[in-house]
Amino acid sequence: MESSSDSSRAQWSEADSLRFIQQGQIFTPARDEIQTAILDLISAERDDSFLAVELGIGGGWLSEAILQRFPGSRVVGLDGSPTMLETAGTRLEQYRNRLDLQPFALEDRLWRTSFAGPVRCFVSSLVVHHLNAADKQVLYRDLNAELEDGGAVLVADLIAPASEAERRYLASAWDAEVRRQSLAFTGALEVYQEFVESQWNWFTYPDPFDMPSTIPEHLGWLAQAGFVGVNVFWERAGHAVYGGYKKA
């Protein structure tokens, strides 16, 4: 997700994919809370049959949670990383009859109209910030067009600060979250040290590959794309879950 300020990583690499598969639960603030929020916000009953699409399936943790919570669901999992797709396929092997893994490029519009039938929800974690402002607006319009009436777009992502003071605060807050989780999950600080040494904290080490937007910008673009019930549903240490619903 994040790259070094000295441009040693100009963009996401397969080494980054492997690191995030291994350490993502610690590098991401309260990932279990993010998962719960997205699951609870999906506009479906537990026994509904529907299609969910994850933009950037990563290691498969969020799609796994959807497949477990909703036994009638099917998931299309998209990712640009072969390492991520291979890992997700292994993790989700028991759901292979309800899962379709596909490579994609987030900015490419062709995949957005390739689904067999309307989509109940699009979900995403730590992916949308790779698009610039104009492309985010196009994405939200395209996703709205593919949703069922009442369907949702639910995004967990890195959020841009609105001021220098907020940037400093979020940089410190994210460091503190990773330090806390490193101790909680492993009993040691080695993973936190890896987070610091790899310059993963975008608020401290911004780079041109990551282009997060502010919460007001996201909510405004979603509303302009035709979504209702637009809101930020959860937020911590520069990360938020936000989204909206297609008007029924």
Protein backbone atom coordinates (compact mmCIF):
# COMPACT_ATOMS: atom_id res chain seq x y z
CA MET A 1 0.00 0.00 0.00
CA GLU A 2 2.57 2.56 1.05
CA SER A 3 5.99 3.17 -0.44
CA SER A 4 9.15 4.84 0.75
CA SER A 5 9.60 8.60 0.52
CA ASP A 6 12.94 8.03 -1.25
CA SER A 7 11.06 6.35 -4.13
CA SER A 8 12.86 3.04 -3.53
CA ARG A 9 9.45 1.44 -4.15
CA ALA A 10 7.87 3.36 -7.01
CA GLN A 11 4.76 1.20 -6.85
CA TRP A 12 3.32 -1.88 -5.21
CA SER A 13 5.50 -4.97 -5.65
CA GLU A 14 5.04 -8.68 -5.03
CA ALA A 15 7.39 -8.28 -2.06
CA ASP A 16 4.90 -5.74 -0.66
CA SER A 17 2.08 -8.24 -1.26
CA LEU A 18 3.93 -10.90 0.71
CA ARG A 19 4.69 -8.49 3.55
CA PHE A 20 1.08 -7.38 3.77
CA ILE A 21 -0.22 -10.97 3.71
CA GLN A 22 2.08 -11.73 6.63
CA GLN A 23 1.63 -8.53 8.65
CA GLY A 24 -1.56 -6.89 7.38
CA GLN A 25 -3.61 -7.65 10.46
CA ILE A 26 -1.06 -5.78 12.58
CA PHE A 27 -0.29 -3.01 10.07
CA THR A 28 -4.02 -2.21 9.67
CA PRO A 29 -5.73 -0.51 12.63
CA ALA A 30 -8.40 -2.79 14.16
CA ARG A 31 -8.97 -4.96 11.11
CA ASP A 32 -11.47 -7.11 12.99
CA GLU A 33 -13.61 -4.01 13.59
CA ILE A 34 -13.39 -3.12 9.90
CA GLN A 35 -14.58 -6.62 9.01
CA THR A 36 -17.51 -6.46 11.42
CA ALA A 37 -18.58 -3.04 10.16
CA ILE A 38 -18.60 -4.12 6.52
CA LEU A 39 -20.44 -7.37 7.22
CA ASP A 40 -23.11 -5.61 9.25
CA LEU A 41 -23.56 -2.92 6.58
CA ILE A 42 -24.13 -5.31 3.67
CA SER A 43 -27.77 -5.03 2.64
CA ALA A 44 -28.61 -8.73 2.92
CA GLU A 45 -30.17 -11.27 5.26
CA ARG A 46 -28.04 -14.26 6.23
CA ASP A 47 -29.93 -16.66 3.94
CA ASP A 48 -30.06 -14.37 0.89
CA SER A 49 -28.49 -15.45 -2.39
CA PHE A 50 -26.47 -12.62 -3.94
CA LEU A 51 -23.25 -11.63 -5.65
CA ALA A 52 -20.52 -9.71 -3.80
CA VAL A 53 -17.44 -8.31 -5.50
CA GLU A 54 -14.24 -7.47 -3.64
CA LEU A 55 -11.88 -4.97 -5.25
CA GLY A 56 -8.44 -6.08 -4.15
CA ILE A 57 -9.12 -9.38 -2.39
CA GLY A 58 -5.61 -9.49 -0.93
CA GLY A 59 -5.13 -12.53 1.28
CA GLY A 60 -8.87 -13.22 1.28
CA TRP A 61 -9.83 -12.35 4.86
CA LEU A 62 -12.80 -10.11 3.98
CA SER A 63 -14.22 -12.37 1.27
CA GLU A 64 -13.87 -15.30 3.66
CA ALA A 65 -15.95 -13.42 6.23
CA ILE A 66 -18.66 -12.70 3.64
CA LEU A 67 -18.78 -16.31 2.48
CA GLN A 68 -19.06 -17.49 6.09
CA ARG A 69 -21.71 -14.96 7.16
CA PHE A 70 -23.88 -15.42 4.05
CA PRO A 71 -23.91 -19.08 2.94
CA GLY A 72 -25.99 -18.21 -0.14
CA SER A 73 -23.52 -15.59 -1.36
CA ARG A 74 -21.11 -15.81 -4.26
CA VAL A 75 -17.93 -13.72 -4.40
CA VAL A 76 -15.88 -12.40 -7.27
CA GLY A 77 -12.46 -11.56 -5.89
CA LEU A 78 -10.31 -9.20 -7.96
CA ASP A 79 -6.65 -8.40 -7.47
CA GLY A 80 -3.70 -7.17 -9.49
CA SER A 81 -1.17 -9.23 -7.54
CA PRO A 82 -0.51 -12.88 -8.48
CA THR A 83 0.76 -13.45 -4.94
CA MET A 84 -2.48 -12.14 -3.46
CA LEU A 85 -4.65 -14.22 -5.81
CA GLU A 86 -2.69 -17.39 -5.07
CA THR A 87 -2.88 -16.80 -1.32
CA ALA A 88 -6.61 -16.03 -1.43
CA GLY A 89 -7.24 -19.15 -3.52
CA THR A 90 -5.46 -21.33 -0.98
CA ARG A 91 -7.23 -19.73 1.98
CA LEU A 92 -10.65 -19.97 0.37
CA GLU A 93 -10.30 -23.42 -1.18
CA GLN A 94 -13.32 -24.73 0.74
CA TYR A 95 -15.48 -22.08 -0.97
CA ARG A 96 -14.21 -22.73 -4.51
CA ASN A 97 -17.74 -23.44 -5.81
CA ARG A 98 -18.86 -19.96 -4.68
CA LEU A 99 -15.70 -18.02 -5.52
CA ASP A 100 -14.33 -16.60 -8.75
CA LEU A 101 -10.83 -15.13 -8.55
CA GLN A 102 -9.79 -12.81 -11.37
CA PRO A 103 -6.80 -10.55 -12.10
CA PHE A 104 -7.66 -6.91 -12.69
CA ALA A 105 -6.29 -3.39 -12.92
CA LEU A 106 -8.28 -1.07 -10.68
CA GLU A 107 -8.21 1.83 -13.14
CA ASP A 108 -9.40 -0.32 -16.08
CA ARG A 109 -13.14 0.15 -16.67
CA LEU A 110 -13.72 -3.10 -18.58
CA TRP A 111 -14.00 -5.33 -15.50
CA ARG A 112 -16.76 -3.10 -14.11
CA THR A 113 -19.30 -4.40 -16.63
CA SER A 114 -18.19 -8.05 -16.73
CA PHE A 115 -20.39 -9.53 -14.00
CA ALA A 116 -23.09 -12.12 -14.65
CA GLY A 117 -26.05 -10.24 -13.22
CA PRO A 118 -26.39 -7.35 -10.81
CA VAL A 119 -24.14 -7.04 -7.76
CA ARG A 120 -25.50 -6.76 -4.23
CA CYS A 121 -22.36 -5.20 -2.82
CA PHE A 122 -18.93 -4.01 -3.81
CA VAL A 123 -16.44 -4.11 -0.95
CA SER A 124 -12.83 -3.05 -0.78
CA SER A 125 -10.04 -2.71 1.76
CA LEU A 126 -7.01 -0.45 1.26
CA VAL A 127 -7.25 -0.25 -2.53
CA VAL A 128 -9.23 2.81 -3.68
CA HIS A 129 -6.54 5.26 -2.54
CA HIS A 130 -4.42 4.13 -5.51
CA LEU A 131 -6.77 6.09 -7.82
CA ASN A 132 -6.59 9.85 -8.28
CA ALA A 133 -9.57 12.06 -7.50
CA ALA A 134 -11.03 12.01 -11.02
CA ASP A 135 -10.73 8.22 -11.31
CA LYS A 136 -12.37 7.70 -7.91
CA GLN A 137 -15.38 9.66 -9.13
CA VAL A 138 -15.60 7.53 -12.29
CA LEU A 139 -15.27 4.37 -10.19
CA TYR A 140 -18.18 5.34 -7.93
CA ARG A 141 -20.41 6.09 -10.93
CA ASP A 142 -19.50 2.81 -12.60
CA LEU A 143 -20.12 0.76 -9.45
CA ASN A 144 -23.50 2.41 -8.91
CA ALA A 145 -24.53 1.34 -12.41
CA GLU A 146 -23.75 -2.33 -11.69
CA LEU A 147 -25.51 -2.58 -8.31
CA GLU A 148 -28.89 -4.03 -7.53
CA ASP A 149 -31.37 -1.48 -6.23
CA GLY A 150 -30.56 -1.11 -2.54
CA GLY A 151 -27.09 -2.57 -3.02
CA ALA A 152 -24.04 -1.11 -1.33
CA VAL A 153 -20.53 0.13 -1.93
CA LEU A 154 -18.53 -0.32 1.29
CA VAL A 155 -14.93 0.82 1.34
CA ALA A 156 -12.26 0.59 4.01
CA ASP A 157 -9.38 2.84 3.09
CA LEU A 158 -6.61 5.21 4.01
CA ILE A 159 -8.00 8.74 4.43
CA ALA A 160 -6.20 12.00 3.63
CA PRO A 161 -5.86 14.58 6.41
CA ALA A 162 -7.47 17.99 6.00
CA SER A 163 -4.65 19.89 7.74
CA GLU A 164 -1.01 19.61 8.74
CA ALA A 165 -2.02 19.25 12.38
CA GLU A 166 -4.28 16.32 11.50
CA ARG A 167 -1.49 14.71 9.46
CA ARG A 168 0.85 14.77 12.45
CA TYR A 169 -1.87 13.39 14.70
CA LEU A 170 -2.74 10.54 12.31
CA ALA A 171 0.92 9.64 11.82
CA SER A 172 1.33 9.25 15.56
CA ALA A 173 -2.00 7.45 15.97
CA TRP A 174 -1.18 4.88 13.29
CA ASP A 175 2.24 4.19 14.82
CA ALA A 176 0.60 3.72 18.21
CA GLU A 177 -2.01 1.31 16.81
CA VAL A 178 0.61 -0.86 15.13
CA ARG A 179 2.77 -0.86 18.27
CA ARG A 180 -0.22 -1.90 20.38
CA GLN A 181 -1.25 -4.63 17.96
CA SER A 182 2.30 -5.93 17.60
CA LEU A 183 2.36 -6.53 21.34
CA ALA A 184 -1.20 -7.86 21.46
CA PHE A 185 -0.81 -10.36 18.61
CA THR A 186 2.82 -11.44 19.04
CA GLY A 187 3.88 -10.38 22.53
CA ALA A 188 6.82 -8.49 21.03
CA LEU A 189 7.66 -5.37 18.99
CA GLU A 190 9.38 -6.96 15.99
CA VAL A 191 6.43 -6.39 13.67
CA TYR A 192 6.12 -2.79 14.83
CA GLN A 193 9.83 -2.30 14.09
CA GLU A 194 9.26 -3.74 10.61
CA PHE A 195 6.41 -1.26 10.10
CA VAL A 196 8.68 1.63 11.11
CA GLU A 197 11.76 0.51 9.20
CA SER A 198 9.81 -0.16 5.99
CA GLN A 199 8.39 3.39 6.19
CA TRP A 200 4.85 2.02 5.82
CA ASN A 201 3.14 4.95 7.55
CA TRP A 202 1.94 7.14 4.68
CA PHE A 203 1.29 10.10 6.98
CA THR A 204 5.00 10.18 7.81
CA TYR A 205 6.31 9.00 4.43
CA PRO A 206 3.90 10.14 1.68
CA ASP A 207 4.49 8.96 -1.86
CA PRO A 208 2.96 9.60 -5.30
CA PHE A 209 1.63 6.05 -5.71
CA ASP A 210 -0.82 6.51 -2.82
CA MET A 211 -3.44 9.21 -3.38
CA PRO A 212 -5.90 9.14 -0.48
CA SER A 213 -8.76 11.63 -0.40
CA THR A 214 -10.55 13.24 2.52
CA ILE A 215 -13.78 11.90 3.97
CA PRO A 216 -15.83 14.90 2.75
CA GLU A 217 -14.50 14.34 -0.77
CA HIS A 218 -15.46 10.65 -0.78
CA LEU A 219 -18.93 11.31 0.62
CA GLY A 220 -19.55 14.09 -1.88
CA TRP A 221 -18.46 11.95 -4.83
CA LEU A 222 -20.65 9.05 -3.70
CA ALA A 223 -23.66 11.34 -3.41
CA GLN A 224 -22.94 12.80 -6.86
CA ALA A 225 -22.78 9.25 -8.25
CA GLY A 226 -26.33 8.66 -7.02
CA PHE A 227 -25.77 6.87 -3.73
CA VAL A 228 -28.02 7.46 -0.71
CA GLY A 229 -27.34 6.79 2.96
CA VAL A 230 -23.81 8.00 2.33
CA ASN A 231 -21.71 8.17 5.48
CA VAL A 232 -18.50 7.29 7.27
CA PHE A 233 -19.34 4.32 9.47
CA TRP A 234 -16.06 3.70 11.30
CA GLU A 235 -12.77 5.55 11.63
CA ARG A 236 -9.45 5.09 13.40
CA ALA A 237 -5.84 6.23 12.96
CA GLY A 238 -6.30 7.58 9.45
CA HIS A 239 -8.39 4.64 8.22
CA ALA A 240 -12.15 4.66 7.68
CA VAL A 241 -15.05 2.56 6.49
CA TYR A 242 -17.39 4.64 4.35
CA GLY A 243 -19.92 4.05 1.59
CA GLY A 244 -23.49 4.30 0.46
CA TYR A 245 -26.45 2.49 -1.10
CA LYS A 246 -28.05 2.52 -4.53
CA LYS A 247 -31.49 4.09 -4.34
CA ALA A 248 -34.16 1.38 -4.34
